[in-house]
Amino acid sequence: MNKVLLILYYWPPAGGPGVQRWLKFVTYFKRFNIDIVLYLPSNPHYPLKDESLLKEVPEGLTIYTHPIKEPYRWASVFSSQKTTDLSAGVLSSSKRSFLSKLMLFIRGNFFIPDARVSWVKPSVTYLNSILDKEGIDTVITSGPPHSLHLIGMRLKEKRPIKWLADFRDPWTKIHYHDQLLLSSWARKKHQLLEAKVLQSADLITVTSTSTMRDFKTLTTTPIALITNGFDIDLNENAPLDTYFSLTHVGSLLSERNPVILWSALAELCEEVPGFKEDLRLIFVGKTDQYIIDHMEHIGLSSNCEVVGYLSHHKAVEYQRKSQLLLLVESFKPEVAQIIPGKLFEYLAAKRPIIAIGPESWDVDELLADTAAGSTYVFDDKNSLKNDILTYYQLFKKGKITIESDGIEAYHRSALTQKMAQLIWEL
């Protein structure tokens, strides 16, 4: 049995896709003789909570905790909603107030690499004794928050450990990095810390091929691709919606507003008899008010169902019964390396996926390889409109089906086997 210290910030009852990755790895690790000792903050500030995930935490897991000084708790005195959005990475590009700009500036320039950096020093001191007590010489850190990688780096400076740094998202090339109002000094410090972490780790894991390619320009450390995945029974079916439903799960922010989709749907409502009566747009998760207002402006508000944030289990139910599933990113080039975690659960739902995002998106290749859907860029409205019409015609005949291929490779148990092999080879 290989005993490993895993350092995380997000853990149940935290909600959101970032929790799923390591919750599922930990669940399956015992099959591959990996024994996890978990280290968490004792008083975290989670912007989203999903109490149902607590039921999925493996029994008998050894967990150590230590307090963290959370600046988001202090900031919430001034604006609880803005603080929650900032903590969750919801940096809307719509017009910002002075308070929003001030909070962004402080976040970007005084808390480097992120607002959890105060946890680094006390954690290093605390964990030195835990590593001795548990007899552990292998450490895994997962970010964001990327300050957790500083814990791994400083532990490695103090003692002969093997350290795996897992990047669920990029660091300086994350899509919202330029929105933090960084000074030139702060930007340089981010870059220096990123390079130092990448060069100090024994192994780096990433979730997309583009991130792996970018990191290879910064380090000689070995890098492995372990995508996110799903943990759903592929043989489980659900009755489909009786209406022509297009469902989006997750945060739908103003900078992700898929104008070409709304325009295509509005035109189809005008041109195709019965289309408007059958159409239902379902938003599960945080939906920006700007988008809701936009739907009103183009005459689609009566076709919208804004569900809001749901438990993971309930969100999966919506995915399985929808006629079509929507995956939306902004068209900014810097998000091309982001593969949203929900995509893999979309694959497991076995419903056709309409993905709208930037050119050369990593999602393009994945959908092409699995035959699970199609991607569209910002100037591709005609293709999108024609494909939706084709799906609608199939819907009227009760024949919207999909024959996806190779999605078993993205099951959490298969991905855990890959991760376990990497740990054993450290």
Protein backbone atom coordinates (compact mmCIF):
# COMPACT_ATOMS: atom_id res chain seq x y z
CA MET A 1 0.00 0.00 0.00
CA ASN A 2 1.35 3.42 -1.01
CA LYS A 3 0.41 6.10 1.56
CA VAL A 4 0.03 9.59 0.09
CA LEU A 5 -0.74 13.01 1.58
CA LEU A 6 -3.34 14.85 -0.53
CA ILE A 7 -3.64 18.61 0.04
CA LEU A 8 -6.95 20.11 -1.09
CA TYR A 9 -9.03 23.19 -0.52
CA TYR A 10 -12.31 22.07 -2.11
CA TRP A 11 -13.95 19.03 -0.53
CA PRO A 12 -17.55 18.15 0.36
CA PRO A 13 -19.74 19.92 1.32
CA ALA A 14 -18.23 22.24 -1.31
CA GLY A 15 -20.15 22.07 -4.58
CA GLY A 16 -19.08 22.58 -8.18
CA PRO A 17 -17.06 20.51 -10.66
CA GLY A 18 -13.70 21.12 -8.94
CA VAL A 19 -14.74 18.91 -6.03
CA GLN A 20 -15.62 15.93 -8.19
CA ARG A 21 -12.12 15.24 -9.53
CA TRP A 22 -10.40 14.31 -6.29
CA LEU A 23 -13.49 13.03 -4.50
CA LYS A 24 -13.72 10.34 -7.17
CA PHE A 25 -9.98 9.63 -7.25
CA VAL A 26 -10.01 9.11 -3.48
CA THR A 27 -13.09 6.88 -3.78
CA TYR A 28 -11.38 4.51 -6.23
CA PHE A 29 -7.75 4.65 -5.02
CA LYS A 30 -8.09 1.66 -2.65
CA ARG A 31 -8.58 -0.58 -5.71
CA PHE A 32 -5.07 0.37 -6.79
CA ASN A 33 -3.37 0.16 -3.38
CA ILE A 34 -3.22 3.90 -2.78
CA ASP A 35 -3.96 4.98 0.81
CA ILE A 36 -4.88 8.67 1.03
CA VAL A 37 -4.30 10.91 4.03
CA LEU A 38 -6.24 14.11 3.41
CA TYR A 39 -5.35 17.65 4.52
CA LEU A 40 -8.03 20.37 4.39
CA PRO A 41 -8.75 23.81 5.86
CA SER A 42 -10.90 23.52 8.99
CA ASN A 43 -12.88 26.68 8.23
CA PRO A 44 -13.09 27.14 4.42
CA HIS A 45 -15.23 29.68 2.58
CA TYR A 46 -17.10 27.72 -0.10
CA PRO A 47 -19.07 29.85 -2.60
CA LEU A 48 -21.17 26.80 -3.54
CA LYS A 49 -22.28 23.94 -1.31
CA ASP A 50 -23.71 20.55 -2.14
CA GLU A 51 -24.46 18.66 1.07
CA SER A 52 -25.39 15.54 -0.91
CA LEU A 53 -21.72 14.99 -1.79
CA LEU A 54 -20.95 14.25 1.87
CA LYS A 55 -22.59 10.86 1.33
CA GLU A 56 -19.94 10.02 -1.28
CA VAL A 57 -16.92 10.56 0.99
CA PRO A 58 -15.30 7.14 1.63
CA GLU A 59 -15.59 5.82 5.18
CA GLY A 60 -12.46 5.51 7.30
CA LEU A 61 -10.59 8.28 5.49
CA THR A 62 -7.82 9.87 7.59
CA ILE A 63 -8.33 13.64 7.53
CA TYR A 64 -6.22 16.38 9.11
CA THR A 65 -7.35 19.99 9.18
CA HIS A 66 -5.85 23.34 10.07
CA PRO A 67 -7.46 26.81 10.24
CA ILE A 68 -7.19 29.25 7.37
CA LYS A 69 -7.54 33.03 7.47
CA GLU A 70 -10.13 33.72 4.80
CA PRO A 71 -10.09 37.29 3.41
CA TYR A 72 -13.37 36.56 1.65
CA ARG A 73 -15.05 36.45 5.06
CA TRP A 74 -13.86 39.98 5.78
CA ALA A 75 -14.77 41.26 2.31
CA SER A 76 -18.32 39.94 2.66
CA VAL A 77 -18.97 42.66 5.23
CA PHE A 78 -18.98 45.14 2.33
CA SER A 79 -20.75 43.01 -0.28
CA SER A 80 -21.67 39.39 0.30
CA GLN A 81 -22.77 38.75 -3.30
CA LYS A 82 -19.69 40.31 -4.90
CA THR A 83 -17.51 38.34 -2.47
CA THR A 84 -19.25 35.07 -3.33
CA ASP A 85 -18.87 35.75 -7.06
CA LEU A 86 -15.18 36.64 -6.70
CA SER A 87 -14.50 33.57 -4.57
CA ALA A 88 -16.17 31.38 -7.20
CA GLY A 89 -14.22 32.96 -10.06
CA VAL A 90 -17.32 34.70 -11.42
CA LEU A 91 -15.71 37.81 -12.88
CA SER A 92 -18.39 39.24 -15.08
CA SER A 93 -17.09 41.50 -17.83
CA SER A 94 -20.22 43.68 -17.69
CA LYS A 95 -19.92 47.17 -16.21
CA ARG A 96 -18.32 46.97 -12.76
CA SER A 97 -18.85 49.21 -9.78
CA PHE A 98 -15.97 50.94 -8.01
CA LEU A 99 -16.25 48.41 -5.17
CA SER A 100 -15.99 45.51 -7.63
CA LYS A 101 -12.89 47.00 -9.23
CA LEU A 102 -11.31 47.64 -5.83
CA MET A 103 -11.95 44.06 -4.69
CA LEU A 104 -10.47 42.72 -7.95
CA PHE A 105 -7.39 44.93 -7.62
CA ILE A 106 -6.79 43.83 -4.02
CA ARG A 107 -7.36 40.17 -4.93
CA GLY A 108 -4.93 40.31 -7.86
CA ASN A 109 -2.13 42.41 -6.38
CA PHE A 110 -2.09 41.71 -2.65
CA PHE A 111 -2.95 38.01 -2.59
CA ILE A 112 -0.54 36.20 -4.89
CA PRO A 113 -1.24 33.68 -6.27
CA ASP A 114 -4.70 33.80 -4.65
CA ALA A 115 -6.68 34.68 -1.56
CA ARG A 116 -5.73 31.42 0.22
CA VAL A 117 -2.00 32.20 0.31
CA SER A 118 -2.09 32.87 4.07
CA TRP A 119 -2.66 29.14 4.58
CA VAL A 120 0.75 28.24 3.13
CA LYS A 121 3.14 29.03 6.00
CA PRO A 122 1.12 27.51 8.88
CA SER A 123 0.35 24.45 6.75
CA VAL A 124 4.01 23.75 6.03
CA THR A 125 4.82 23.88 9.74
CA TYR A 126 1.83 21.70 10.66
CA LEU A 127 2.37 19.12 7.91
CA ASN A 128 6.02 18.48 8.70
CA SER A 129 4.93 16.69 11.86
CA ILE A 130 2.06 14.91 10.07
CA LEU A 131 4.42 13.50 7.42
CA ASP A 132 6.62 12.12 10.19
CA LYS A 133 3.68 10.75 12.15
CA GLU A 134 2.13 8.99 9.14
CA GLY A 135 5.42 7.91 7.55
CA ILE A 136 4.57 9.61 4.25
CA ASP A 137 7.04 10.66 1.56
CA THR A 138 4.61 11.35 -1.32
CA VAL A 139 2.57 14.56 -1.50
CA ILE A 140 -0.10 15.68 -3.97
CA THR A 141 -1.39 19.24 -4.28
CA SER A 142 -4.33 20.25 -6.47
CA GLY A 143 -5.13 23.76 -7.64
CA PRO A 144 -6.76 26.14 -8.01
CA PRO A 145 -6.29 27.61 -5.54
CA HIS A 146 -2.69 27.46 -6.76
CA SER A 147 -1.36 28.61 -3.39
CA LEU A 148 -1.69 24.94 -2.40
CA HIS A 149 1.17 24.19 -4.78
CA LEU A 150 3.33 26.53 -2.70
CA ILE A 151 2.71 24.22 0.26
CA GLY A 152 4.00 21.27 -1.76
CA MET A 153 6.99 23.25 -3.02
CA ARG A 154 8.02 24.39 0.45
CA LEU A 155 7.62 20.94 1.93
CA LYS A 156 9.89 19.63 -0.80
CA GLU A 157 12.46 22.30 0.05
CA LYS A 158 12.50 21.10 3.66
CA ARG A 159 12.51 17.32 3.23
CA PRO A 160 13.03 14.56 0.60
CA ILE A 161 9.47 14.06 -0.62
CA LYS A 162 8.06 13.11 -3.99
CA TRP A 163 5.59 15.77 -5.10
CA LEU A 164 2.84 15.63 -7.74
CA ALA A 165 1.26 19.00 -8.65
CA ASP A 166 -2.21 18.62 -10.19
CA PHE A 167 -3.54 21.56 -12.21
CA ARG A 168 -7.30 21.36 -12.67
CA ASP A 169 -7.05 24.73 -14.46
CA PRO A 170 -4.17 26.79 -15.86
CA TRP A 171 -2.47 29.44 -13.69
CA THR A 172 -1.36 32.60 -15.50
CA LYS A 173 -3.24 31.60 -18.65
CA ILE A 174 -6.58 31.05 -16.94
CA HIS A 175 -9.22 33.04 -18.82
CA TYR A 176 -9.95 35.47 -15.98
CA HIS A 177 -6.31 36.27 -15.10
CA ASP A 178 -6.29 39.48 -17.13
CA GLN A 179 -9.43 40.66 -15.34
CA LEU A 180 -7.64 40.86 -11.97
CA LEU A 181 -6.31 44.38 -12.72
CA LEU A 182 -2.74 43.19 -12.15
CA SER A 183 0.16 45.61 -11.83
CA SER A 184 3.29 44.75 -13.84
CA TRP A 185 4.96 43.72 -10.57
CA ALA A 186 2.11 41.39 -9.61
CA ARG A 187 1.97 39.86 -13.09
CA LYS A 188 5.70 39.11 -12.97
CA LYS A 189 5.41 37.56 -9.52
CA HIS A 190 2.61 35.26 -10.72
CA GLN A 191 4.78 34.16 -13.64
CA LEU A 192 7.85 33.58 -11.47
CA LEU A 193 5.89 31.53 -8.92
CA GLU A 194 4.25 29.50 -11.67
CA ALA A 195 7.59 28.69 -13.28
CA LYS A 196 9.16 27.80 -9.93
CA VAL A 197 6.32 25.46 -9.00
CA LEU A 198 6.40 23.76 -12.40
CA GLN A 199 10.15 23.25 -12.22
CA SER A 200 10.18 22.07 -8.59
CA ALA A 201 7.53 19.34 -8.82
CA ASP A 202 8.48 15.76 -9.61
CA LEU A 203 5.41 15.31 -11.79
CA ILE A 204 2.67 17.59 -13.12
CA THR A 205 -0.81 16.48 -14.12
CA VAL A 206 -3.17 18.61 -16.22
CA THR A 207 -6.69 18.28 -17.58
CA SER A 208 -6.23 19.45 -21.18
CA THR A 209 -3.72 19.03 -24.00
CA SER A 210 -3.36 22.80 -24.45
CA THR A 211 -2.36 23.30 -20.82
CA MET A 212 0.16 20.50 -21.18
CA ARG A 213 1.59 22.16 -24.29
CA ASP A 214 1.85 25.54 -22.56
CA PHE A 215 3.50 24.12 -19.46
CA LYS A 216 6.08 22.27 -21.54
CA THR A 217 7.46 25.67 -22.59
CA LEU A 218 8.05 26.52 -18.92
CA THR A 219 9.49 23.34 -17.43
CA THR A 220 11.39 20.12 -18.03
CA THR A 221 9.33 18.35 -15.38
CA PRO A 222 7.32 15.39 -16.77
CA ILE A 223 3.68 16.27 -17.50
CA ALA A 224 0.80 13.81 -17.78
CA LEU A 225 -2.73 14.37 -19.09
CA ILE A 226 -5.48 13.11 -16.78
CA THR A 227 -8.77 14.66 -17.86
CA ASN A 228 -11.84 15.02 -15.71
CA GLY A 229 -14.49 12.37 -16.10
CA PHE A 230 -17.84 10.93 -15.03
CA ASP A 231 -18.99 8.44 -12.42
CA ILE A 232 -22.40 7.57 -13.79
CA ASP A 233 -23.89 4.24 -14.88
CA LEU A 234 -23.76 4.33 -18.67
CA ASN A 235 -26.61 1.82 -18.93
CA GLU A 236 -29.05 3.88 -16.88
CA ASN A 237 -31.71 5.56 -19.01
CA ALA A 238 -34.27 8.24 -18.20
CA PRO A 239 -37.50 9.27 -19.96
CA LEU A 240 -36.78 12.16 -22.29
CA ASP A 241 -38.49 15.53 -22.08
CA THR A 242 -41.68 15.71 -24.12
CA TYR A 243 -40.68 19.17 -25.35
CA PHE A 244 -37.67 20.20 -27.46
CA SER A 245 -35.35 20.92 -24.54
CA LEU A 246 -31.88 22.43 -24.72
CA THR A 247 -30.25 22.26 -21.28
CA HIS A 248 -27.20 24.11 -19.99
CA VAL A 249 -25.69 22.97 -16.67
CA GLY A 250 -23.27 25.19 -14.76
CA SER A 251 -22.49 28.90 -14.63
CA LEU A 252 -23.62 30.87 -17.68
CA LEU A 253 -21.91 34.25 -17.43
CA SER A 254 -22.25 37.37 -19.55
CA GLU A 255 -18.91 36.81 -21.31
CA ARG A 256 -20.15 33.36 -22.36
CA ASN A 257 -23.37 34.69 -23.85
CA PRO A 258 -23.86 32.59 -27.04
CA VAL A 259 -25.50 35.28 -29.14
CA ILE A 260 -25.41 33.16 -32.31
CA LEU A 261 -27.44 30.45 -30.58
CA TRP A 262 -30.14 32.81 -29.35
CA SER A 263 -30.29 34.46 -32.77
CA ALA A 264 -30.62 31.10 -34.53
CA LEU A 265 -33.37 29.98 -32.14
CA ALA A 266 -35.27 33.27 -32.52
CA GLU A 267 -35.18 32.91 -36.31
CA LEU A 268 -36.38 29.30 -36.11
CA CYS A 269 -39.25 30.41 -33.86
CA GLU A 270 -40.32 32.80 -36.63
CA GLU A 271 -39.73 30.47 -39.57
CA VAL A 272 -40.72 26.98 -38.44
CA PRO A 273 -44.33 26.23 -37.45
CA GLY A 274 -44.59 24.78 -33.95
CA PHE A 275 -40.94 25.41 -33.07
CA LYS A 276 -41.58 28.18 -30.54
CA GLU A 277 -44.30 26.16 -28.83
CA ASP A 278 -42.01 23.12 -28.50
CA LEU A 279 -38.79 24.93 -27.53
CA ARG A 280 -37.63 24.94 -23.91
CA LEU A 281 -34.30 26.43 -22.80
CA ILE A 282 -33.29 25.13 -19.36
CA PHE A 283 -30.56 26.78 -17.28
CA VAL A 284 -29.31 24.71 -14.35
CA GLY A 285 -26.81 26.70 -12.28
CA LYS A 286 -25.91 30.36 -11.90
CA THR A 287 -27.23 32.35 -14.87
CA ASP A 288 -26.11 35.95 -15.29
CA GLN A 289 -28.95 38.49 -15.19
CA TYR A 290 -27.51 39.99 -18.37
CA ILE A 291 -28.37 36.78 -20.23
CA ILE A 292 -31.84 36.61 -18.74
CA ASP A 293 -32.43 40.21 -19.87
CA HIS A 294 -31.07 39.36 -23.33
CA MET A 295 -33.59 36.52 -23.67
CA GLU A 296 -36.36 38.98 -22.86
CA HIS A 297 -35.03 41.39 -25.49
CA ILE A 298 -35.08 38.83 -28.32
CA GLY A 299 -38.43 37.31 -27.35
CA LEU A 300 -37.30 33.99 -25.88
CA SER A 301 -38.03 34.60 -22.20
CA SER A 302 -41.26 32.56 -22.36
CA ASN A 303 -39.19 29.61 -23.58
CA CYS A 304 -36.75 29.79 -20.65
CA GLU A 305 -36.70 27.84 -17.40
CA VAL A 306 -34.11 29.27 -15.01
CA VAL A 307 -33.66 26.48 -12.46
CA GLY A 308 -30.66 27.82 -10.54
CA TYR A 309 -28.07 25.82 -8.63
CA LEU A 310 -28.98 22.19 -7.87
CA SER A 311 -27.30 19.27 -6.17
CA HIS A 312 -25.05 17.18 -8.38
CA HIS A 313 -27.58 14.35 -8.41
CA LYS A 314 -30.43 16.60 -9.55
CA ALA A 315 -28.26 18.24 -12.21
CA VAL A 316 -27.48 14.79 -13.65
CA GLU A 317 -31.20 14.09 -13.89
CA TYR A 318 -31.69 17.20 -16.02
CA GLN A 319 -28.81 16.15 -18.30
CA ARG A 320 -30.22 12.68 -18.87
CA LYS A 321 -33.72 13.74 -19.85
CA SER A 322 -32.82 16.69 -22.10
CA GLN A 323 -33.20 16.38 -25.86
CA LEU A 324 -29.98 18.36 -26.42
CA LEU A 325 -27.20 19.53 -24.09
CA LEU A 326 -25.52 22.94 -24.35
CA LEU A 327 -21.84 23.52 -23.61
CA VAL A 328 -20.87 27.19 -23.80
CA GLU A 329 -17.58 29.05 -23.41
CA SER A 330 -16.54 32.55 -24.37
CA PHE A 331 -14.86 33.08 -27.74
CA LYS A 332 -11.64 34.38 -26.18
CA PRO A 333 -8.56 32.44 -27.37
CA GLU A 334 -7.32 31.96 -23.80
CA VAL A 335 -10.25 29.68 -22.93
CA ALA A 336 -9.44 27.27 -25.77
CA GLN A 337 -7.50 25.09 -23.31
CA ILE A 338 -10.46 24.73 -20.93
CA ILE A 339 -12.43 21.48 -21.06
CA PRO A 340 -15.36 22.02 -18.68
CA GLY A 341 -15.80 19.17 -16.23
CA LYS A 342 -19.49 18.90 -17.03
CA LEU A 343 -18.63 17.83 -20.58
CA PHE A 344 -17.74 14.36 -19.33
CA GLU A 345 -21.06 13.95 -17.57
CA TYR A 346 -22.70 15.18 -20.75
CA LEU A 347 -20.94 12.28 -22.49
CA ALA A 348 -22.34 9.84 -19.94
CA ALA A 349 -25.86 11.22 -20.43
CA LYS A 350 -25.66 10.09 -24.07
CA ARG A 351 -27.54 13.09 -25.43
CA PRO A 352 -26.29 15.13 -28.41
CA ILE A 353 -24.00 17.98 -27.36
CA ILE A 354 -24.01 21.42 -28.94
CA ALA A 355 -20.75 23.12 -27.93
CA ILE A 356 -20.18 26.81 -28.68
CA GLY A 357 -16.79 28.32 -28.00
CA PRO A 358 -13.43 29.54 -29.31
CA GLU A 359 -11.51 28.36 -32.34
CA SER A 360 -9.08 25.46 -31.81
CA TRP A 361 -10.88 24.50 -28.61
CA ASP A 362 -9.67 21.32 -26.93
CA VAL A 363 -13.32 20.26 -26.83
CA ASP A 364 -13.33 20.00 -30.66
CA GLU A 365 -11.09 16.95 -30.74
CA LEU A 366 -12.79 15.25 -27.81
CA LEU A 367 -16.26 15.52 -29.34
CA ALA A 368 -14.95 14.41 -32.72
CA ASP A 369 -13.24 11.38 -31.17
CA THR A 370 -16.35 10.30 -29.27
CA ALA A 371 -18.92 11.28 -31.92
CA ALA A 372 -20.92 12.88 -29.11
CA GLY A 373 -21.73 16.24 -30.66
CA SER A 374 -20.51 19.23 -32.63
CA THR A 375 -18.70 22.50 -31.93
CA TYR A 376 -19.43 25.93 -33.36
CA VAL A 377 -17.47 29.19 -33.35
CA PHE A 378 -18.82 32.74 -33.19
CA ASP A 379 -19.36 33.17 -36.96
CA ASP A 380 -20.90 29.74 -37.53
CA LYS A 381 -24.57 30.63 -37.05
CA ASN A 382 -25.82 29.09 -40.28
CA SER A 383 -24.35 25.67 -39.50
CA LEU A 384 -25.68 25.86 -35.95
CA LYS A 385 -29.15 26.87 -37.12
CA ASN A 386 -29.30 24.11 -39.73
CA ASP A 387 -28.17 21.46 -37.24
CA ILE A 388 -30.72 22.56 -34.63
CA LEU A 389 -33.45 22.40 -37.28
CA THR A 390 -32.32 18.87 -38.18
CA TYR A 391 -32.49 17.88 -34.50
CA TYR A 392 -35.94 19.44 -34.22
CA GLN A 393 -37.20 17.46 -37.20
CA LEU A 394 -35.84 14.29 -35.57
CA PHE A 395 -37.48 15.30 -32.29
CA LYS A 396 -40.88 15.52 -33.99
CA LYS A 397 -40.36 11.94 -35.16
CA GLY A 398 -39.13 10.82 -31.72
CA LYS A 399 -35.75 9.89 -33.15
CA ILE A 400 -33.06 12.07 -31.55
CA THR A 401 -30.40 9.49 -30.74
CA ILE A 402 -26.63 9.42 -30.52
CA GLU A 403 -24.10 6.64 -31.01
CA SER A 404 -21.13 7.92 -29.02
CA ASP A 405 -17.92 5.90 -28.94
CA GLY A 406 -15.03 5.38 -26.53
CA ILE A 407 -16.51 7.31 -23.62
CA GLU A 408 -15.66 4.49 -21.17
CA ALA A 409 -12.09 5.84 -21.08
CA TYR A 410 -13.44 8.86 -19.19
CA HIS A 411 -15.05 6.88 -16.39
CA ARG A 412 -13.59 7.89 -13.03
CA SER A 413 -12.38 4.36 -12.28
CA ALA A 414 -10.36 4.24 -15.53
CA LEU A 415 -8.90 7.68 -14.87
CA THR A 416 -8.04 6.72 -11.28
CA GLN A 417 -6.11 3.73 -12.57
CA LYS A 418 -4.01 6.08 -14.72
CA MET A 419 -3.43 8.43 -11.79
CA ALA A 420 -2.53 5.55 -9.46
CA GLN A 421 0.04 4.27 -11.95
CA LEU A 422 1.66 7.69 -12.06
CA ILE A 423 1.84 7.81 -8.26
CA TRP A 424 3.43 4.36 -8.07
CA GLU A 425 6.02 5.39 -10.66
CA LEU A 426 7.05 8.58 -8.81
